[in-house]
Amino acid sequence: MERVFKALADESRRRILDIVKANAGISVNGVADHFAFSRFAVMKHLRVLEDADLLKLERDGRQKKIYINAIPIQMIYDRWLSDFSRHWAGGLTRLKYELEGEQDG
């Protein structure tokens, strides 16, 4: 789990996860288009996320398709949240999103 927390600690990597979640199968270039820094820097972030098992990269010819792997995040969720807190936390986060005009994460 240490690798997962290290990967999630960086704001750019969390943003990459958001981008991949919204665009399953996106290419490396597609992810890089969302950032001002170099493609090489994006690839380094992707490598950290892949090493933490948060992303799965699938080769498709010359390109790589990127998919999110939610299992490590689910494992964190399962470890620290009881059944009782799951009920309340889910309701409170839905209320937060509704009040702030956001869509569910």
PDB file of N, CA and C in Angstrom:
ATOM      1  N   MET A   1       0.809  -1.203   0.000  1.00  0.00           N
ATOM      2  CA  MET A   1       0.000   0.000   0.000  1.00  0.00           C
ATOM      3  C   MET A   1       0.848   1.261   0.000  1.00  0.00           C
ATOM      4  N   GLU A   2       2.097   1.126   0.389  1.00  0.00           N
ATOM      5  CA  GLU A   2       2.971   2.299   0.429  1.00  0.00           C
ATOM      6  C   GLU A   2       3.101   2.940  -0.951  1.00  0.00           C
ATOM      7  N   ARG A   3       3.219   2.115  -1.978  1.00  0.00           N
ATOM      8  CA  ARG A   3       3.320   2.647  -3.342  1.00  0.00           C
ATOM      9  C   ARG A   3       2.042   3.378  -3.755  1.00  0.00           C
ATOM     10  N   VAL A   4       0.915   2.874  -3.329  1.00  0.00           N
ATOM     11  CA  VAL A   4      -0.364   3.511  -3.659  1.00  0.00           C
ATOM     12  C   VAL A   4      -0.428   4.894  -3.025  1.00  0.00           C
ATOM     13  N   PHE A   5      -0.090   4.991  -1.733  1.00  0.00           N
ATOM     14  CA  PHE A   5      -0.129   6.285  -1.061  1.00  0.00           C
ATOM     15  C   PHE A   5       0.877   7.255  -1.664  1.00  0.00           C
ATOM     16  N   LYS A   6       2.064   6.755  -2.024  1.00  0.00           N
ATOM     17  CA  LYS A   6       3.062   7.614  -2.661  1.00  0.00           C
ATOM     18  C   LYS A   6       2.536   8.136  -4.000  1.00  0.00           C
ATOM     19  N   ALA A   7       1.916   7.260  -4.766  1.00  0.00           N
ATOM     20  CA  ALA A   7       1.383   7.661  -6.071  1.00  0.00           C
ATOM     21  C   ALA A   7       0.258   8.675  -5.915  1.00  0.00           C
ATOM     22  N   LEU A   8      -0.607   8.472  -4.937  1.00  0.00           N
ATOM     23  CA  LEU A   8      -1.745   9.370  -4.735  1.00  0.00           C
ATOM     24  C   LEU A   8      -1.359  10.692  -4.087  1.00  0.00           C
ATOM     25  N   ALA A   9      -0.159  10.769  -3.533  1.00  0.00           N
ATOM     26  CA  ALA A   9       0.280  11.987  -2.847  1.00  0.00           C
ATOM     27  C   ALA A   9       0.517  13.147  -3.810  1.00  0.00           C
ATOM     28  N   ASP A  10       0.732  12.859  -5.071  1.00  0.00           N
ATOM     29  CA  ASP A  10       1.041  13.902  -6.049  1.00  0.00           C
ATOM     30  C   ASP A  10      -0.225  14.354  -6.774  1.00  0.00           C
ATOM     31  N   GLU A  11      -0.460  15.655  -6.802  1.00  0.00           N
ATOM     32  CA  GLU A  11      -1.669  16.208  -7.416  1.00  0.00           C
ATOM     33  C   GLU A  11      -1.759  15.885  -8.907  1.00  0.00           C
ATOM     34  N   SER A  12      -0.638  15.926  -9.607  1.00  0.00           N
ATOM     35  CA  SER A  12      -0.653  15.621 -11.047  1.00  0.00           C
ATOM     36  C   SER A  12      -1.072  14.185 -11.295  1.00  0.00           C
ATOM     37  N   ARG A  13      -0.616  13.263 -10.449  1.00  0.00           N
ATOM     38  CA  ARG A  13      -1.000  11.858 -10.626  1.00  0.00           C
ATOM     39  C   ARG A  13      -2.480  11.646 -10.312  1.00  0.00           C
ATOM     40  N   ARG A  14      -2.995  12.367  -9.322  1.00  0.00           N
ATOM     41  CA  ARG A  14      -4.437  12.271  -9.043  1.00  0.00           C
ATOM     42  C   ARG A  14      -5.229  12.810 -10.239  1.00  0.00           C
ATOM     43  N   ARG A  15      -4.726  13.854 -10.841  1.00  0.00           N
ATOM     44  CA  ARG A  15      -5.385  14.417 -12.032  1.00  0.00           C
ATOM     45  C   ARG A  15      -5.345  13.427 -13.194  1.00  0.00           C
ATOM     46  N   ILE A  16      -4.221  12.734 -13.340  1.00  0.00           N
ATOM     47  CA  ILE A  16      -4.117  11.706 -14.378  1.00  0.00           C
ATOM     48  C   ILE A  16      -5.172  10.625 -14.148  1.00  0.00           C
ATOM     49  N   LEU A  17      -5.342  10.204 -12.901  1.00  0.00           N
ATOM     50  CA  LEU A  17      -6.370   9.199 -12.601  1.00  0.00           C
ATOM     51  C   LEU A  17      -7.755   9.703 -12.982  1.00  0.00           C
ATOM     52  N   ASP A  18      -8.031  10.979 -12.705  1.00  0.00           N
ATOM     53  CA  ASP A  18      -9.319  11.562 -13.096  1.00  0.00           C
ATOM     54  C   ASP A  18      -9.496  11.539 -14.614  1.00  0.00           C
ATOM     55  N   ILE A  19      -8.440  11.882 -15.328  1.00  0.00           N
ATOM     56  CA  ILE A  19      -8.492  11.915 -16.794  1.00  0.00           C
ATOM     57  C   ILE A  19      -8.729  10.509 -17.349  1.00  0.00           C
ATOM     58  N   VAL A  20      -7.997   9.537 -16.821  1.00  0.00           N
ATOM     59  CA  VAL A  20      -8.141   8.156 -17.304  1.00  0.00           C
ATOM     60  C   VAL A  20      -9.512   7.601 -16.934  1.00  0.00           C
ATOM     61  N   LYS A  21      -9.999   7.931 -15.751  1.00  0.00           N
ATOM     62  CA  LYS A  21     -11.335   7.468 -15.346  1.00  0.00           C
ATOM     63  C   LYS A  21     -12.396   7.992 -16.314  1.00  0.00           C
ATOM     64  N   ALA A  22     -12.269   9.245 -16.713  1.00  0.00           N
ATOM     65  CA  ALA A  22     -13.247   9.862 -17.614  1.00  0.00           C
ATOM     66  C   ALA A  22     -13.066   9.429 -19.066  1.00  0.00           C
ATOM     67  N   ASN A  23     -11.878   8.898 -19.401  1.00  0.00           N
ATOM     68  CA  ASN A  23     -11.559   8.551 -20.798  1.00  0.00           C
ATOM     69  C   ASN A  23     -10.877   7.190 -20.863  1.00  0.00           C
ATOM     70  N   ALA A  24     -11.565   6.147 -20.446  1.00  0.00           N
ATOM     71  CA  ALA A  24     -10.978   4.805 -20.437  1.00  0.00           C
ATOM     72  C   ALA A  24     -10.396   4.466 -21.800  1.00  0.00           C
ATOM     73  N   GLY A  25      -9.169   3.949 -21.806  1.00  0.00           N
ATOM     74  CA  GLY A  25      -8.511   3.581 -23.047  1.00  0.00           C
ATOM     75  C   GLY A  25      -7.772   4.721 -23.714  1.00  0.00           C
ATOM     76  N   ILE A  26      -7.637   5.852 -23.002  1.00  0.00           N
ATOM     77  CA  ILE A  26      -6.929   7.015 -23.537  1.00  0.00           C
ATOM     78  C   ILE A  26      -5.462   6.661 -23.799  1.00  0.00           C
ATOM     79  N   SER A  27      -4.853   7.328 -24.756  1.00  0.00           N
ATOM     80  CA  SER A  27      -3.447   7.097 -25.069  1.00  0.00           C
ATOM     81  C   SER A  27      -2.558   7.983 -24.200  1.00  0.00           C
ATOM     82  N   VAL A  28      -1.269   7.692 -24.212  1.00  0.00           N
ATOM     83  CA  VAL A  28      -0.305   8.518 -23.479  1.00  0.00           C
ATOM     84  C   VAL A  28      -0.367   9.954 -23.996  1.00  0.00           C
ATOM     85  N   ASN A  29      -0.420  10.110 -25.302  1.00  0.00           N
ATOM     86  CA  ASN A  29      -0.511  11.459 -25.872  1.00  0.00           C
ATOM     87  C   ASN A  29      -1.800  12.153 -25.447  1.00  0.00           C
ATOM     88  N   GLY A  30      -2.880  11.391 -25.357  1.00  0.00           N
ATOM     89  CA  GLY A  30      -4.140  11.957 -24.908  1.00  0.00           C
ATOM     90  C   GLY A  30      -4.047  12.486 -23.489  1.00  0.00           C
ATOM     91  N   VAL A  31      -3.354  11.763 -22.625  1.00  0.00           N
ATOM     92  CA  VAL A  31      -3.135  12.237 -21.254  1.00  0.00           C
ATOM     93  C   VAL A  31      -2.220  13.453 -21.274  1.00  0.00           C
ATOM     94  N   ALA A  32      -1.151  13.382 -22.040  1.00  0.00           N
ATOM     95  CA  ALA A  32      -0.169  14.477 -22.095  1.00  0.00           C
ATOM     96  C   ALA A  32      -0.801  15.777 -22.578  1.00  0.00           C
ATOM     97  N   ASP A  33      -1.823  15.692 -23.414  1.00  0.00           N
ATOM     98  CA  ASP A  33      -2.503  16.888 -23.922  1.00  0.00           C
ATOM     99  C   ASP A  33      -3.148  17.718 -22.811  1.00  0.00           C
ATOM    100  N   HIS A  34      -3.392  17.113 -21.653  1.00  0.00           N
ATOM    101  CA  HIS A  34      -4.025  17.806 -20.536  1.00  0.00           C
ATOM    102  C   HIS A  34      -3.038  18.553 -19.639  1.00  0.00           C
ATOM    103  N   PHE A  35      -1.746  18.466 -19.948  1.00  0.00           N
ATOM    104  CA  PHE A  35      -0.727  19.038 -19.071  1.00  0.00           C
ATOM    105  C   PHE A  35       0.208  19.972 -19.828  1.00  0.00           C
ATOM    106  N   ALA A  36       0.730  20.950 -19.101  1.00  0.00           N
ATOM    107  CA  ALA A  36       1.677  21.896 -19.690  1.00  0.00           C
ATOM    108  C   ALA A  36       3.093  21.323 -19.704  1.00  0.00           C
ATOM    109  N   PHE A  37       3.359  20.313 -18.864  1.00  0.00           N
ATOM    110  CA  PHE A  37       4.706  19.763 -18.848  1.00  0.00           C
ATOM    111  C   PHE A  37       4.886  18.710 -19.933  1.00  0.00           C
ATOM    112  N   SER A  38       6.101  18.235 -20.096  1.00  0.00           N
ATOM    113  CA  SER A  38       6.469  17.390 -21.233  1.00  0.00           C
ATOM    114  C   SER A  38       5.812  16.011 -21.189  1.00  0.00           C
ATOM    115  N   ARG A  39       5.771  15.395 -22.356  1.00  0.00           N
ATOM    116  CA  ARG A  39       5.270  14.024 -22.480  1.00  0.00           C
ATOM    117  C   ARG A  39       6.124  13.085 -21.635  1.00  0.00           C
ATOM    118  N   PHE A  40       7.425  13.351 -21.595  1.00  0.00           N
ATOM    119  CA  PHE A  40       8.342  12.540 -20.791  1.00  0.00           C
ATOM    120  C   PHE A  40       7.958  12.599 -19.319  1.00  0.00           C
ATOM    121  N   ALA A  41       7.616  13.780 -18.810  1.00  0.00           N
ATOM    122  CA  ALA A  41       7.190  13.930 -17.414  1.00  0.00           C
ATOM    123  C   ALA A  41       5.889  13.175 -17.169  1.00  0.00           C
ATOM    124  N   VAL A  42       4.967  13.235 -18.116  1.00  0.00           N
ATOM    125  CA  VAL A  42       3.713  12.493 -17.996  1.00  0.00           C
ATOM    126  C   VAL A  42       4.003  11.001 -17.934  1.00  0.00           C
ATOM    127  N   MET A  43       4.917  10.529 -18.754  1.00  0.00           N
ATOM    128  CA  MET A  43       5.258   9.108 -18.766  1.00  0.00           C
ATOM    129  C   MET A  43       5.863   8.675 -17.428  1.00  0.00           C
ATOM    130  N   LYS A  44       6.639   9.543 -16.795  1.00  0.00           N
ATOM    131  CA  LYS A  44       7.189   9.214 -15.480  1.00  0.00           C
ATOM    132  C   LYS A  44       6.065   9.074 -14.457  1.00  0.00           C
ATOM    133  N   HIS A  45       5.087   9.968 -14.513  1.00  0.00           N
ATOM    134  CA  HIS A  45       3.941   9.869 -13.615  1.00  0.00           C
ATOM    135  C   HIS A  45       3.140   8.590 -13.890  1.00  0.00           C
ATOM    136  N   LEU A  46       2.955   8.272 -15.158  1.00  0.00           N
ATOM    137  CA  LEU A  46       2.236   7.047 -15.520  1.00  0.00           C
ATOM    138  C   LEU A  46       2.952   5.818 -14.982  1.00  0.00           C
ATOM    139  N   ARG A  47       4.277   5.823 -15.028  1.00  0.00           N
ATOM    140  CA  ARG A  47       5.062   4.697 -14.531  1.00  0.00           C
ATOM    141  C   ARG A  47       4.850   4.507 -13.023  1.00  0.00           C
ATOM    142  N   VAL A  48       4.830   5.623 -12.273  1.00  0.00           N
ATOM    143  CA  VAL A  48       4.587   5.550 -10.827  1.00  0.00           C
ATOM    144  C   VAL A  48       3.200   4.974 -10.556  1.00  0.00           C
ATOM    145  N   LEU A  49       2.205   5.438 -11.301  1.00  0.00           N
ATOM    146  CA  LEU A  49       0.836   4.935 -11.126  1.00  0.00           C
ATOM    147  C   LEU A  49       0.720   3.466 -11.520  1.00  0.00           C
ATOM    148  N   GLU A  50       1.422   3.083 -12.559  1.00  0.00           N
ATOM    149  CA  GLU A  50       1.403   1.679 -12.980  1.00  0.00           C
ATOM    150  C   GLU A  50       2.125   0.801 -11.949  1.00  0.00           C
ATOM    151  N   ASP A  51       3.246   1.264 -11.416  1.00  0.00           N
ATOM    152  CA  ASP A  51       3.970   0.511 -10.390  1.00  0.00           C
ATOM    153  C   ASP A  51       3.135   0.329  -9.124  1.00  0.00           C
ATOM    154  N   ALA A  52       2.248   1.295  -8.855  1.00  0.00           N
ATOM    155  CA  ALA A  52       1.343   1.200  -7.700  1.00  0.00           C
ATOM    156  C   ALA A  52       0.097   0.381  -8.044  1.00  0.00           C
ATOM    157  N   ASP A  53       0.031  -0.127  -9.260  1.00  0.00           N
ATOM    158  CA  ASP A  53      -1.087  -0.938  -9.752  1.00  0.00           C
ATOM    159  C   ASP A  53      -2.387  -0.146  -9.846  1.00  0.00           C
ATOM    160  N   LEU A  54      -2.274   1.185  -9.973  1.00  0.00           N
ATOM    161  CA  LEU A  54      -3.456   2.032 -10.117  1.00  0.00           C
ATOM    162  C   LEU A  54      -3.875   2.190 -11.573  1.00  0.00           C
ATOM    163  N   LEU A  55      -2.962   1.878 -12.486  1.00  0.00           N
ATOM    164  CA  LEU A  55      -3.251   1.948 -13.918  1.00  0.00           C
ATOM    165  C   LEU A  55      -2.838   0.648 -14.580  1.00  0.00           C
ATOM    166  N   LYS A  56      -3.553   0.306 -15.620  1.00  0.00           N
ATOM    167  CA  LYS A  56      -3.196  -0.819 -16.481  1.00  0.00           C
ATOM    168  C   LYS A  56      -2.974  -0.253 -17.874  1.00  0.00           C
ATOM    169  N   LEU A  57      -1.810  -0.530 -18.436  1.00  0.00           N
ATOM    170  CA  LEU A  57      -1.505  -0.096 -19.790  1.00  0.00           C
ATOM    171  C   LEU A  57      -1.557  -1.307 -20.707  1.00  0.00           C
ATOM    172  N   GLU A  58      -2.288  -1.152 -21.796  1.00  0.00           N
ATOM    173  CA  GLU A  58      -2.496  -2.242 -22.746  1.00  0.00           C
ATOM    174  C   GLU A  58      -1.975  -1.795 -24.102  1.00  0.00           C
ATOM    175  N   ARG A  59      -1.070  -2.565 -24.659  1.00  0.00           N
ATOM    176  CA  ARG A  59      -0.515  -2.218 -25.956  1.00  0.00           C
ATOM    177  C   ARG A  59      -1.546  -2.480 -27.050  1.00  0.00           C
ATOM    178  N   ASP A  60      -1.681  -1.483 -27.950  1.00  0.00           N
ATOM    179  CA  ASP A  60      -2.588  -1.587 -29.088  1.00  0.00           C
ATOM    180  C   ASP A  60      -1.818  -1.085 -30.301  1.00  0.00           C
ATOM    181  N   GLY A  61      -1.104  -2.004 -30.946  1.00  0.00           N
ATOM    182  CA  GLY A  61      -0.226  -1.593 -32.046  1.00  0.00           C
ATOM    183  C   GLY A  61       0.926  -0.782 -31.493  1.00  0.00           C
ATOM    184  N   ARG A  62       1.080   0.429 -31.989  1.00  0.00           N
ATOM    185  CA  ARG A  62       2.164   1.301 -31.530  1.00  0.00           C
ATOM    186  C   ARG A  62       1.763   2.149 -30.328  1.00  0.00           C
ATOM    187  N   GLN A  63       0.498   2.145 -29.993  1.00  0.00           N
ATOM    188  CA  GLN A  63       0.016   2.956 -28.881  1.00  0.00           C
ATOM    189  C   GLN A  63      -0.245   2.097 -27.654  1.00  0.00           C
ATOM    190  N   LYS A  64      -0.341   2.778 -26.526  1.00  0.00           N
ATOM    191  CA  LYS A  64      -0.749   2.127 -25.291  1.00  0.00           C
ATOM    192  C   LYS A  64      -2.075   2.728 -24.863  1.00  0.00           C
ATOM    193  N   LYS A  65      -3.018   1.859 -24.553  1.00  0.00           N
ATOM    194  CA  LYS A  65      -4.296   2.306 -24.005  1.00  0.00           C
ATOM    195  C   LYS A  65      -4.187   2.222 -22.484  1.00  0.00           C
ATOM    196  N   ILE A  66      -4.711   3.233 -21.807  1.00  0.00           N
ATOM    197  CA  ILE A  66      -4.566   3.311 -20.365  1.00  0.00           C
ATOM    198  C   ILE A  66      -5.934   3.163 -19.710  1.00  0.00           C
ATOM    199  N   TYR A  67      -5.980   2.315 -18.694  1.00  0.00           N
ATOM    200  CA  TYR A  67      -7.204   2.068 -17.934  1.00  0.00           C
ATOM    201  C   TYR A  67      -6.907   2.186 -16.443  1.00  0.00           C
ATOM    202  N   ILE A  68      -7.885   2.645 -15.686  1.00  0.00           N
ATOM    203  CA  ILE A  68      -7.732   2.753 -14.238  1.00  0.00           C
ATOM    204  C   ILE A  68      -7.996   1.384 -13.608  1.00  0.00           C
ATOM    205  N   ASN A  69      -7.261   1.098 -12.554  1.00  0.00           N
ATOM    206  CA  ASN A  69      -7.483  -0.109 -11.759  1.00  0.00           C
ATOM    207  C   ASN A  69      -7.872   0.355 -10.362  1.00  0.00           C
ATOM    208  N   ALA A  70      -9.124   0.250 -10.028  1.00  0.00           N
ATOM    209  CA  ALA A  70      -9.634   0.775  -8.758  1.00  0.00           C
ATOM    210  C   ALA A  70      -9.414  -0.169  -7.576  1.00  0.00           C
ATOM    211  N   ILE A  71      -8.902  -1.354  -7.816  1.00  0.00           N
ATOM    212  CA  ILE A  71      -8.762  -2.339  -6.739  1.00  0.00           C
ATOM    213  C   ILE A  71      -7.903  -1.825  -5.579  1.00  0.00           C
ATOM    214  N   PRO A  72      -6.728  -1.218  -5.812  1.00  0.00           N
ATOM    215  CA  PRO A  72      -5.945  -0.732  -4.663  1.00  0.00           C
ATOM    216  C   PRO A  72      -6.683   0.331  -3.842  1.00  0.00           C
ATOM    217  N   ILE A  73      -7.442   1.189  -4.497  1.00  0.00           N
ATOM    218  CA  ILE A  73      -8.200   2.213  -3.774  1.00  0.00           C
ATOM    219  C   ILE A  73      -9.332   1.552  -2.995  1.00  0.00           C
ATOM    220  N   GLN A  74      -9.967   0.558  -3.582  1.00  0.00           N
ATOM    221  CA  GLN A  74     -11.023  -0.178  -2.887  1.00  0.00           C
ATOM    222  C   GLN A  74     -10.462  -0.893  -1.663  1.00  0.00           C
ATOM    223  N   MET A  75      -9.243  -1.421  -1.780  1.00  0.00           N
ATOM    224  CA  MET A  75      -8.616  -2.095  -0.639  1.00  0.00           C
ATOM    225  C   MET A  75      -8.375  -1.133   0.515  1.00  0.00           C
ATOM    226  N   ILE A  76      -7.976   0.089   0.206  1.00  0.00           N
ATOM    227  CA  ILE A  76      -7.805   1.115   1.238  1.00  0.00           C
ATOM    228  C   ILE A  76      -9.151   1.420   1.882  1.00  0.00           C
ATOM    229  N   TYR A  77     -10.152   1.592   1.073  1.00  0.00           N
ATOM    230  CA  TYR A  77     -11.504   1.867   1.546  1.00  0.00           C
ATOM    231  C   TYR A  77     -11.987   0.744   2.478  1.00  0.00           C
ATOM    232  N   ASP A  78     -11.816  -0.488   2.037  1.00  0.00           N
ATOM    233  CA  ASP A  78     -12.260  -1.634   2.831  1.00  0.00           C
ATOM    234  C   ASP A  78     -11.508  -1.740   4.153  1.00  0.00           C
ATOM    235  N   ARG A  79     -10.246  -1.390   4.134  1.00  0.00           N
ATOM    236  CA  ARG A  79      -9.423  -1.526   5.336  1.00  0.00           C
ATOM    237  C   ARG A  79      -9.843  -0.559   6.441  1.00  0.00           C
ATOM    238  N   TRP A  80     -10.167   0.679   6.091  1.00  0.00           N
ATOM    239  CA  TRP A  80     -10.363   1.690   7.115  1.00  0.00           C
ATOM    240  C   TRP A  80     -11.793   2.145   7.351  1.00  0.00           C
ATOM    241  N   LEU A  81     -12.723   1.667   6.572  1.00  0.00           N
ATOM    242  CA  LEU A  81     -14.106   2.090   6.782  1.00  0.00           C
ATOM    243  C   LEU A  81     -14.967   0.928   7.231  1.00  0.00           C
ATOM    244  N   SER A  82     -15.682   1.131   8.312  1.00  0.00           N
ATOM    245  CA  SER A  82     -16.607   0.108   8.800  1.00  0.00           C
ATOM    246  C   SER A  82     -17.898   0.201   7.997  1.00  0.00           C
ATOM    247  N   ASP A  83     -18.730  -0.807   8.136  1.00  0.00           N
ATOM    248  CA  ASP A  83     -20.025  -0.789   7.451  1.00  0.00           C
ATOM    249  C   ASP A  83     -20.850   0.423   7.863  1.00  0.00           C
ATOM    250  N   PHE A  84     -20.800   0.768   9.143  1.00  0.00           N
ATOM    251  CA  PHE A  84     -21.554   1.917   9.646  1.00  0.00           C
ATOM    252  C   PHE A  84     -21.057   3.218   9.013  1.00  0.00           C
ATOM    253  N   SER A  85     -19.742   3.418   8.975  1.00  0.00           N
ATOM    254  CA  SER A  85     -19.222   4.669   8.415  1.00  0.00           C
ATOM    255  C   SER A  85     -19.399   4.739   6.910  1.00  0.00           C
ATOM    256  N   ARG A  86     -19.415   3.605   6.236  1.00  0.00           N
ATOM    257  CA  ARG A  86     -19.671   3.595   4.786  1.00  0.00           C
ATOM    258  C   ARG A  86     -21.027   4.219   4.492  1.00  0.00           C
ATOM    259  N   HIS A  87     -22.016   3.836   5.273  1.00  0.00           N
ATOM    260  CA  HIS A  87     -23.359   4.373   5.066  1.00  0.00           C
ATOM    261  C   HIS A  87     -23.364   5.896   5.214  1.00  0.00           C
ATOM    262  N   TRP A  88     -22.797   6.392   6.288  1.00  0.00           N
ATOM    263  CA  TRP A  88     -22.804   7.829   6.548  1.00  0.00           C
ATOM    264  C   TRP A  88     -21.878   8.582   5.608  1.00  0.00           C
ATOM    265  N   ALA A  89     -20.698   8.045   5.350  1.00  0.00           N
ATOM    266  CA  ALA A  89     -19.747   8.731   4.467  1.00  0.00           C
ATOM    267  C   ALA A  89     -20.310   8.856   3.063  1.00  0.00           C
ATOM    268  N   GLY A  90     -20.942   7.798   2.554  1.00  0.00           N
ATOM    269  CA  GLY A  90     -21.530   7.855   1.217  1.00  0.00           C
ATOM    270  C   GLY A  90     -22.604   8.917   1.110  1.00  0.00           C
ATOM    271  N   GLY A  91     -23.474   8.972   2.099  1.00  0.00           N
ATOM    272  CA  GLY A  91     -24.533   9.979   2.089  1.00  0.00           C
ATOM    273  C   GLY A  91     -23.995  11.389   2.195  1.00  0.00           C
ATOM    274  N   LEU A  92     -22.993  11.569   3.044  1.00  0.00           N
ATOM    275  CA  LEU A  92     -22.420  12.904   3.218  1.00  0.00           C
ATOM    276  C   LEU A  92     -21.647  13.374   1.987  1.00  0.00           C
ATOM    277  N   THR A  93     -20.944  12.467   1.338  1.00  0.00           N
ATOM    278  CA  THR A  93     -20.231  12.894   0.124  1.00  0.00           C
ATOM    279  C   THR A  93     -21.206  13.211  -0.995  1.00  0.00           C
ATOM    280  N   ARG A  94     -22.290  12.440  -1.114  1.00  0.00           N
ATOM    281  CA  ARG A  94     -23.304  12.773  -2.131  1.00  0.00           C
ATOM    282  C   ARG A  94     -23.908  14.144  -1.865  1.00  0.00           C
ATOM    283  N   LEU A  95     -24.171  14.445  -0.580  1.00  0.00           N
ATOM    284  CA  LEU A  95     -24.689  15.762  -0.208  1.00  0.00           C
ATOM    285  C   LEU A  95     -23.687  16.856  -0.551  1.00  0.00           C
ATOM    286  N   LYS A  96     -22.420  16.623  -0.263  1.00  0.00           N
ATOM    287  CA  LYS A  96     -21.362  17.593  -0.580  1.00  0.00           C
ATOM    288  C   LYS A  96     -21.346  17.881  -2.079  1.00  0.00           C
ATOM    289  N   TYR A  97     -21.347  16.839  -2.893  1.00  0.00           N
ATOM    290  CA  TYR A  97     -21.329  17.029  -4.347  1.00  0.00           C
ATOM    291  C   TYR A  97     -22.560  17.789  -4.819  1.00  0.00           C
ATOM    292  N   GLU A  98     -23.697  17.450  -4.260  1.00  0.00           N
ATOM    293  CA  GLU A  98     -24.940  18.113  -4.651  1.00  0.00           C
ATOM    294  C   GLU A  98     -24.902  19.590  -4.287  1.00  0.00           C
ATOM    295  N   LEU A  99     -24.455  19.906  -3.077  1.00  0.00           N
ATOM    296  CA  LEU A  99     -24.401  21.301  -2.626  1.00  0.00           C
ATOM    297  C   LEU A  99     -23.375  22.113  -3.406  1.00  0.00           C
ATOM    298  N   GLU A 100     -22.297  21.477  -3.794  1.00  0.00           N
ATOM    299  CA  GLU A 100     -21.240  22.177  -4.541  1.00  0.00           C
ATOM    300  C   GLU A 100     -21.456  22.142  -6.037  1.00  0.00           C
ATOM    301  N   GLY A 101     -22.513  21.471  -6.474  1.00  0.00           N
ATOM    302  CA  GLY A 101     -22.814  21.417  -7.908  1.00  0.00           C
ATOM    303  C   GLY A 101     -21.865  20.547  -8.687  1.00  0.00           C
ATOM    304  N   GLU A 102     -21.259  19.561  -8.029  1.00  0.00           N
ATOM    305  CA  GLU A 102     -20.330  18.653  -8.697  1.00  0.00           C
ATOM    306  C   GLU A 102     -21.040  17.344  -8.992  1.00  0.00           C
ATOM    307  N   GLN A 103     -20.445  16.603  -9.919  1.00  0.00           N
ATOM    308  CA  GLN A 103     -20.921  15.246 -10.175  1.00  0.00           C
ATOM    309  C   GLN A 103     -20.225  14.335  -9.204  1.00  0.00           C
ATOM    310  N   ASP A 104     -20.832  13.169  -8.952  1.00  0.00           N
ATOM    311  CA  ASP A 104     -20.185  12.174  -8.084  1.00  0.00           C
ATOM    312  C   ASP A 104     -18.830  11.825  -8.660  1.00  0.00           C
ATOM    313  N   GLY A 105     -17.821  11.724  -7.725  1.00  0.00           N
ATOM    314  CA  GLY A 105     -16.439  11.400  -8.091  1.00  0.00           C
ATOM    315  C   GLY A 105     -16.382  10.263  -8.960  1.00  0.00           C
TER     316      GLY A 105
END
